[in-house]
Amino acid sequence: MLNAAERPLIVAGGGVINADASELLVRFAEATGVPVIPTLMGWGSIPDDHPLMAGMCGLQTSHRYGNATMLASDFVLGIGNRWANRHTGSVDVYTKGRKFVHVDIEPTQIGRVFTPDFGIVSDAKAALELFVQVAEEMKACLLYTSDAADDTPCVNLGGGRIIKKKNATPLVWVPVSYT
């Protein structure tokens, strides 16, 4: 879902702080290029001066750009957050036109305010360790296209990772088997 999104967003909650996973969150955001909006309890999970810090959103903040970024997104990955009404405001406005994945250690929090498209019961650190591994492997495995015929020389990096050389124009991420 993240790869299919045009305007993805990460919402980082207090679970990221509690799990001591802020560094992993930043690595994941940097590997994917996805902006981060912390909740009030997740504030500090990404430095305020980081280029991917997109402000806070919700009723208790004055970061208008955070709310605007949230409303412009088409996919939201919530990690260690509760989707509390202070954050969402009107659930209909908050959820309209976007898909949600919710990661939380407490199973009763998933679907409590609204039903996500996909829920993951996990500690934020454990989830982010896997997300970072996958994102960094995918980033390292860019498939390149060229004007040349299909017999363009390729470099096989092993593990299903193939890079086509020539003109170096990124086309798509090539997933690696994670079994």
Foldseek 3Di string as FASTA:
>chain_A
DLQPWPQEEEEEELLCVVLVNLVLVVLLCVLSVHAYAYEPNRPPSYDPPDPSDQYHAFQPDPRVSNPVSQLPTAEYEYAADQPDCRHQVDVCSRPPRHAYEYEHCDVCSACVVHHGPYYHNDRRNVVSVVSSVQSNVQSVQFEADEPDPPVQDWDDPPQQRIYRDDPRDGDGGDGGDDD
